[in-house]
């Protein structure tokens, strides 16, 4: 009978060792998974920040191009109405650009 106890003890010891090994592997896998998740979250936040900055730059470009388009439309209409550019003599184009209100500013009011 002592041999059976040793085998039972040995089997229990083996099972316990297997369990500890599985727990250790599982803990490592969980740690790795959580690290990857945190890394993906950080990358997402970084990408969102970059896209927000890009969006601001593009919005400013749209505003500038909208003002430029409006100025060009006004110049064309003035030219078409007068059949000459004499009426534009002495006008400061930058002042014209600055005087044109943004479409977004008008829609927000």
N, C-alpha and C. Protein backbone atom coordinates (compact mmCIF):
# COMPACT_ATOMS: atom_id res chain seq x y z
N UNK A 1 0.78 -1.21 0.00
CA UNK A 1 0.00 0.00 0.00
C UNK A 1 0.83 1.28 0.00
N UNK A 2 1.96 1.30 0.62
CA UNK A 2 2.72 2.54 0.58
C UNK A 2 3.05 2.99 -0.84
N UNK A 3 3.20 2.02 -1.76
CA UNK A 3 3.50 2.40 -3.13
C UNK A 3 2.33 3.15 -3.76
N UNK A 4 1.10 2.72 -3.47
CA UNK A 4 -0.05 3.42 -4.03
C UNK A 4 -0.12 4.84 -3.50
N UNK A 5 0.21 5.00 -2.24
CA UNK A 5 0.20 6.36 -1.68
C UNK A 5 1.21 7.22 -2.41
N UNK A 6 2.34 6.63 -2.68
CA UNK A 6 3.36 7.40 -3.40
C UNK A 6 2.88 7.74 -4.80
N UNK A 7 2.23 6.81 -5.46
CA UNK A 7 1.73 7.09 -6.79
C UNK A 7 0.62 8.12 -6.70
N UNK A 8 -0.25 7.99 -5.73
CA UNK A 8 -1.31 8.99 -5.56
C UNK A 8 -0.70 10.34 -5.26
N UNK A 9 0.28 10.35 -4.39
CA UNK A 9 0.96 11.59 -4.05
C UNK A 9 1.69 12.11 -5.27
N UNK A 10 2.30 11.21 -6.00
CA UNK A 10 3.02 11.60 -7.21
C UNK A 10 2.03 12.14 -8.25
N UNK A 11 0.89 11.48 -8.43
CA UNK A 11 -0.12 11.95 -9.37
C UNK A 11 -0.65 13.32 -8.95
N UNK A 12 -0.92 13.48 -7.66
CA UNK A 12 -1.41 14.77 -7.15
C UNK A 12 -0.36 15.84 -7.36
N UNK A 13 0.88 15.48 -7.12
CA UNK A 13 1.98 16.43 -7.30
C UNK A 13 2.11 16.82 -8.77
N UNK A 14 1.98 15.83 -9.65
CA UNK A 14 2.05 16.10 -11.09
C UNK A 14 0.88 16.99 -11.53
N UNK A 15 -0.30 16.69 -11.03
CA UNK A 15 -1.48 17.50 -11.37
C UNK A 15 -1.30 18.94 -10.87
N UNK A 16 -0.77 19.04 -9.65
CA UNK A 16 -0.55 20.38 -9.09
C UNK A 16 0.49 21.14 -9.91
N UNK A 17 1.54 20.43 -10.32
CA UNK A 17 2.58 21.06 -11.14
C UNK A 17 2.00 21.49 -12.49
N UNK A 18 1.19 20.60 -13.08
CA UNK A 18 0.54 20.94 -14.36
C UNK A 18 -0.35 22.17 -14.19
N UNK A 19 -1.11 22.19 -13.11
CA UNK A 19 -1.99 23.33 -12.84
C UNK A 19 -1.18 24.62 -12.70
N UNK A 20 -0.10 24.56 -11.93
CA UNK A 20 0.75 25.76 -11.76
C UNK A 20 1.35 26.21 -13.08
N UNK A 21 1.77 25.25 -13.90
CA UNK A 21 2.32 25.58 -15.23
C UNK A 21 1.26 26.26 -16.10
N UNK A 22 0.05 25.69 -16.08
CA UNK A 22 -1.04 26.29 -16.87
C UNK A 22 -1.35 27.70 -16.37
N UNK A 23 -1.40 27.87 -15.06
CA UNK A 23 -1.68 29.20 -14.49
C UNK A 23 -0.57 30.19 -14.88
N UNK A 24 0.66 29.73 -14.82
CA UNK A 24 1.78 30.60 -15.18
C UNK A 24 1.68 31.02 -16.64
N UNK A 25 1.40 30.08 -17.53
CA UNK A 25 1.26 30.40 -18.96
C UNK A 25 0.08 31.33 -19.18
N UNK A 26 -1.01 31.06 -18.47
CA UNK A 26 -2.19 31.90 -18.61
C UNK A 26 -1.90 33.32 -18.12
N UNK A 27 -1.23 33.44 -17.00
CA UNK A 27 -0.88 34.77 -16.47
C UNK A 27 0.01 35.53 -17.44
N UNK A 28 0.94 34.83 -18.07
CA UNK A 28 1.82 35.48 -19.06
C UNK A 28 1.01 35.91 -20.28
N UNK A 29 0.08 35.05 -20.70
CA UNK A 29 -0.76 35.39 -21.86
C UNK A 29 -1.64 36.60 -21.55
N UNK A 30 -2.19 36.66 -20.36
CA UNK A 30 -3.03 37.78 -19.96
C UNK A 30 -2.20 39.06 -19.91
N UNK A 31 -1.01 38.97 -19.35
CA UNK A 31 -0.14 40.14 -19.28
C UNK A 31 0.19 40.65 -20.67
N UNK A 32 0.51 39.72 -21.58
CA UNK A 32 0.83 40.09 -22.96
C UNK A 32 -0.38 40.72 -23.64
N UNK A 33 -1.55 40.13 -23.43
CA UNK A 33 -2.78 40.65 -24.03
C UNK A 33 -3.10 42.06 -23.52
N UNK A 34 -2.96 42.27 -22.24
CA UNK A 34 -3.23 43.60 -21.67
C UNK A 34 -2.23 44.63 -22.18
N UNK A 35 -0.98 44.22 -22.32
CA UNK A 35 0.04 45.13 -22.85
C UNK A 35 -0.31 45.54 -24.28
N UNK A 36 -0.68 44.55 -25.10
CA UNK A 36 -1.05 44.85 -26.49
C UNK A 36 -2.27 45.75 -26.55
N UNK A 37 -3.22 45.51 -25.68
CA UNK A 37 -4.43 46.34 -25.65
C UNK A 37 -4.08 47.78 -25.30
N UNK A 38 -3.24 47.96 -24.28
CA UNK A 38 -2.82 49.31 -23.90
C UNK A 38 -2.05 49.98 -25.04
N UNK A 39 -1.22 49.20 -25.71
CA UNK A 39 -0.44 49.73 -26.83
C UNK A 39 -1.37 50.17 -27.97
N UNK A 40 -2.36 49.36 -28.29
CA UNK A 40 -3.32 49.73 -29.35
C UNK A 40 -4.09 50.98 -28.96
N UNK A 41 -4.49 51.07 -27.69
CA UNK A 41 -5.21 52.25 -27.22
C UNK A 41 -4.34 53.49 -27.35
N UNK A 42 -3.09 53.39 -26.96
CA UNK A 42 -2.17 54.53 -27.06
C UNK A 42 -1.97 54.93 -28.53
N UNK A 43 -1.82 53.95 -29.40
CA UNK A 43 -1.65 54.24 -30.82
C UNK A 43 -2.89 54.93 -31.38
N UNK A 44 -4.06 54.50 -30.91
CA UNK A 44 -5.31 55.12 -31.36
C UNK A 44 -5.38 56.57 -30.91
N UNK A 45 -5.03 56.84 -29.65
CA UNK A 45 -5.03 58.21 -29.16
C UNK A 45 -4.05 59.08 -29.93
N UNK A 46 -2.88 58.53 -30.23
CA UNK A 46 -1.88 59.26 -30.99
C UNK A 46 -2.41 59.58 -32.38
N UNK A 47 -3.03 58.59 -33.00
CA UNK A 47 -3.58 58.80 -34.36
C UNK A 47 -4.71 59.82 -34.33
N UNK A 48 -5.56 59.76 -33.33
CA UNK A 48 -6.66 60.73 -33.21
C UNK A 48 -6.10 62.15 -33.07
N UNK A 49 -5.07 62.31 -32.26
CA UNK A 49 -4.45 63.63 -32.08
C UNK A 49 -3.88 64.15 -33.40
N UNK A 50 -3.20 63.28 -34.12
CA UNK A 50 -2.63 63.68 -35.40
C UNK A 50 -3.72 64.05 -36.39
N UNK A 51 -4.78 63.26 -36.44
CA UNK A 51 -5.88 63.55 -37.36
C UNK A 51 -6.59 64.86 -37.00
N UNK A 52 -6.70 65.15 -35.71
CA UNK A 52 -7.30 66.42 -35.29
C UNK A 52 -6.45 67.59 -35.78
N UNK A 53 -5.14 67.47 -35.63
CA UNK A 53 -4.25 68.53 -36.10
C UNK A 53 -4.35 68.67 -37.62
N UNK A 54 -4.34 67.55 -38.33
CA UNK A 54 -4.48 67.59 -39.78
C UNK A 54 -5.80 68.25 -40.17
N UNK A 55 -6.85 67.93 -39.43
CA UNK A 55 -8.16 68.49 -39.71
C UNK A 55 -8.16 70.01 -39.53
N UNK A 56 -7.51 70.50 -38.48
CA UNK A 56 -7.42 71.95 -38.26
C UNK A 56 -6.72 72.63 -39.44
N UNK A 57 -5.62 72.03 -39.88
CA UNK A 57 -4.87 72.59 -41.00
C UNK A 57 -5.75 72.62 -42.26
N UNK A 58 -6.46 71.54 -42.49
CA UNK A 58 -7.31 71.47 -43.67
C UNK A 58 -8.48 72.45 -43.59
N UNK A 59 -9.05 72.62 -42.40
CA UNK A 59 -10.13 73.59 -42.24
C UNK A 59 -9.64 75.01 -42.52
N UNK A 60 -8.45 75.33 -42.06
CA UNK A 60 -7.88 76.64 -42.35
C UNK A 60 -7.66 76.82 -43.85
N UNK A 61 -7.21 75.76 -44.50
CA UNK A 61 -6.98 75.82 -45.94
C UNK A 61 -8.31 76.03 -46.67
N UNK A 62 -9.36 75.35 -46.22
CA UNK A 62 -10.68 75.53 -46.83
C UNK A 62 -11.14 76.97 -46.67
N UNK A 63 -10.95 77.54 -45.48
CA UNK A 63 -11.34 78.94 -45.25
C UNK A 63 -10.60 79.87 -46.19
N UNK A 64 -9.30 79.65 -46.31
CA UNK A 64 -8.48 80.51 -47.16
C UNK A 64 -8.92 80.37 -48.63
N UNK A 65 -9.15 79.15 -49.07
CA UNK A 65 -9.56 78.93 -50.45
C UNK A 65 -10.97 79.48 -50.72
N UNK A 66 -11.84 79.41 -49.72
CA UNK A 66 -13.17 79.98 -49.86
C UNK A 66 -13.08 81.49 -50.03
N UNK A 67 -12.23 82.13 -49.23
CA UNK A 67 -12.05 83.58 -49.37
C UNK A 67 -11.47 83.92 -50.73
N UNK A 68 -10.49 83.11 -51.16
CA UNK A 68 -9.87 83.36 -52.45
C UNK A 68 -10.89 83.19 -53.58
N UNK A 69 -11.71 82.17 -53.50
CA UNK A 69 -12.73 81.94 -54.52
C UNK A 69 -13.72 83.10 -54.56
N UNK A 70 -14.14 83.55 -53.40
CA UNK A 70 -15.08 84.67 -53.36
C UNK A 70 -14.45 85.92 -53.96
N UNK A 71 -13.19 86.15 -53.67
CA UNK A 71 -12.49 87.30 -54.23
C UNK A 71 -12.42 87.20 -55.75
N UNK A 72 -12.08 86.02 -56.23
CA UNK A 72 -12.00 85.83 -57.68
C UNK A 72 -13.36 85.98 -58.35
N UNK A 73 -14.40 85.50 -57.69
CA UNK A 73 -15.75 85.69 -58.22
C UNK A 73 -16.09 87.18 -58.31
N UNK A 74 -15.77 87.90 -57.24
CA UNK A 74 -16.04 89.33 -57.22
C UNK A 74 -15.26 90.05 -58.31
N UNK A 75 -14.00 89.68 -58.47
CA UNK A 75 -13.18 90.29 -59.52
C UNK A 75 -13.76 90.00 -60.89
N UNK A 76 -14.17 88.77 -61.11
CA UNK A 76 -14.75 88.39 -62.40
C UNK A 76 -16.03 89.17 -62.66
N UNK A 77 -16.90 89.25 -61.65
CA UNK A 77 -18.16 89.98 -61.82
C UNK A 77 -17.91 91.46 -62.08
N UNK A 78 -16.95 92.03 -61.37
CA UNK A 78 -16.62 93.43 -61.58
C UNK A 78 -16.08 93.64 -62.98
N UNK A 79 -15.25 92.73 -63.42
CA UNK A 79 -14.69 92.83 -64.76
C UNK A 79 -15.78 92.65 -65.81
N UNK A 80 -16.64 91.69 -65.61
CA UNK A 80 -17.71 91.43 -66.57
C UNK A 80 -18.68 92.61 -66.62
N UNK A 81 -18.94 93.25 -65.50
CA UNK A 81 -19.88 94.37 -65.46
C UNK A 81 -19.29 95.60 -66.13
N UNK A 82 -18.03 95.83 -65.98
CA UNK A 82 -17.41 97.06 -66.50
C UNK A 82 -16.74 96.86 -67.85
N UNK A 83 -16.58 95.62 -68.27
CA UNK A 83 -15.90 95.30 -69.52
C UNK A 83 -14.48 95.83 -69.57
N UNK A 84 -13.97 96.17 -68.39
CA UNK A 84 -12.56 96.56 -68.31
C UNK A 84 -12.12 96.42 -66.87
N UNK A 85 -10.82 96.40 -66.67
CA UNK A 85 -10.30 96.29 -65.31
C UNK A 85 -9.99 97.65 -64.73
N UNK A 86 -10.42 98.69 -65.37
CA UNK A 86 -10.13 100.03 -64.87
C UNK A 86 -10.73 100.25 -63.49
N UNK A 87 -11.87 99.65 -63.22
CA UNK A 87 -12.51 99.84 -61.92
C UNK A 87 -11.73 99.18 -60.80
N UNK A 88 -10.83 98.24 -61.13
CA UNK A 88 -10.04 97.57 -60.11
C UNK A 88 -8.73 98.30 -59.81
N UNK A 89 -8.42 99.30 -60.59
CA UNK A 89 -7.17 100.02 -60.37
C UNK A 89 -7.11 100.61 -58.98
N UNK A 90 -6.00 100.41 -58.31
CA UNK A 90 -5.81 100.98 -56.98
C UNK A 90 -6.43 100.15 -55.87
N UNK A 91 -7.15 99.07 -56.15
CA UNK A 91 -7.73 98.25 -55.09
C UNK A 91 -6.67 97.30 -54.54
N UNK A 92 -6.68 97.12 -53.24
CA UNK A 92 -5.75 96.21 -52.59
C UNK A 92 -6.42 94.83 -52.48
N UNK A 93 -5.86 93.83 -53.17
CA UNK A 93 -6.47 92.50 -53.18
C UNK A 93 -6.51 91.88 -51.79
N UNK A 94 -5.47 92.10 -51.00
CA UNK A 94 -5.46 91.54 -49.64
C UNK A 94 -6.61 92.12 -48.82
N UNK A 95 -6.89 93.42 -49.01
CA UNK A 95 -8.01 94.05 -48.29
C UNK A 95 -9.32 93.40 -48.72
N UNK A 96 -9.45 93.11 -50.01
CA UNK A 96 -10.65 92.43 -50.50
C UNK A 96 -10.81 91.06 -49.84
N UNK A 97 -9.71 90.34 -49.76
CA UNK A 97 -9.76 89.03 -49.12
C UNK A 97 -10.15 89.14 -47.65
N UNK A 98 -9.61 90.12 -46.97
CA UNK A 98 -9.89 90.27 -45.54
C UNK A 98 -11.33 90.71 -45.29
N UNK A 99 -11.93 91.44 -46.23
CA UNK A 99 -13.29 91.96 -46.04
C UNK A 99 -14.37 90.93 -46.31
N UNK A 100 -14.02 89.82 -46.97
CA UNK A 100 -15.03 88.81 -47.31
C UNK A 100 -15.26 87.95 -46.08
N UNK A 101 -16.52 87.91 -45.59
CA UNK A 101 -16.80 87.07 -44.40
C UNK A 101 -16.80 85.60 -44.78
N UNK A 102 -16.44 84.76 -43.78
CA UNK A 102 -16.46 83.31 -43.98
C UNK A 102 -17.89 82.82 -43.98
N UNK A 103 -18.16 81.81 -44.81
CA UNK A 103 -19.48 81.20 -44.83
C UNK A 103 -19.80 80.56 -43.49
N UNK A 104 -18.83 79.94 -42.85
CA UNK A 104 -19.05 79.28 -41.56
C UNK A 104 -19.41 80.32 -40.50
N UNK A 105 -18.72 81.45 -40.53
CA UNK A 105 -19.00 82.50 -39.54
C UNK A 105 -20.42 82.99 -39.68
N UNK A 106 -20.92 83.14 -40.89
CA UNK A 106 -22.27 83.63 -41.11
C UNK A 106 -23.30 82.59 -40.71
N UNK A 107 -23.02 81.30 -40.93
CA UNK A 107 -23.97 80.25 -40.59
C UNK A 107 -24.06 80.04 -39.07
N UNK A 108 -23.01 80.39 -38.34
CA UNK A 108 -23.01 80.22 -36.89
C UNK A 108 -23.76 81.35 -36.19
N UNK A 109 -23.98 82.46 -36.87
CA UNK A 109 -24.63 83.61 -36.23
C UNK A 109 -26.13 83.50 -36.30
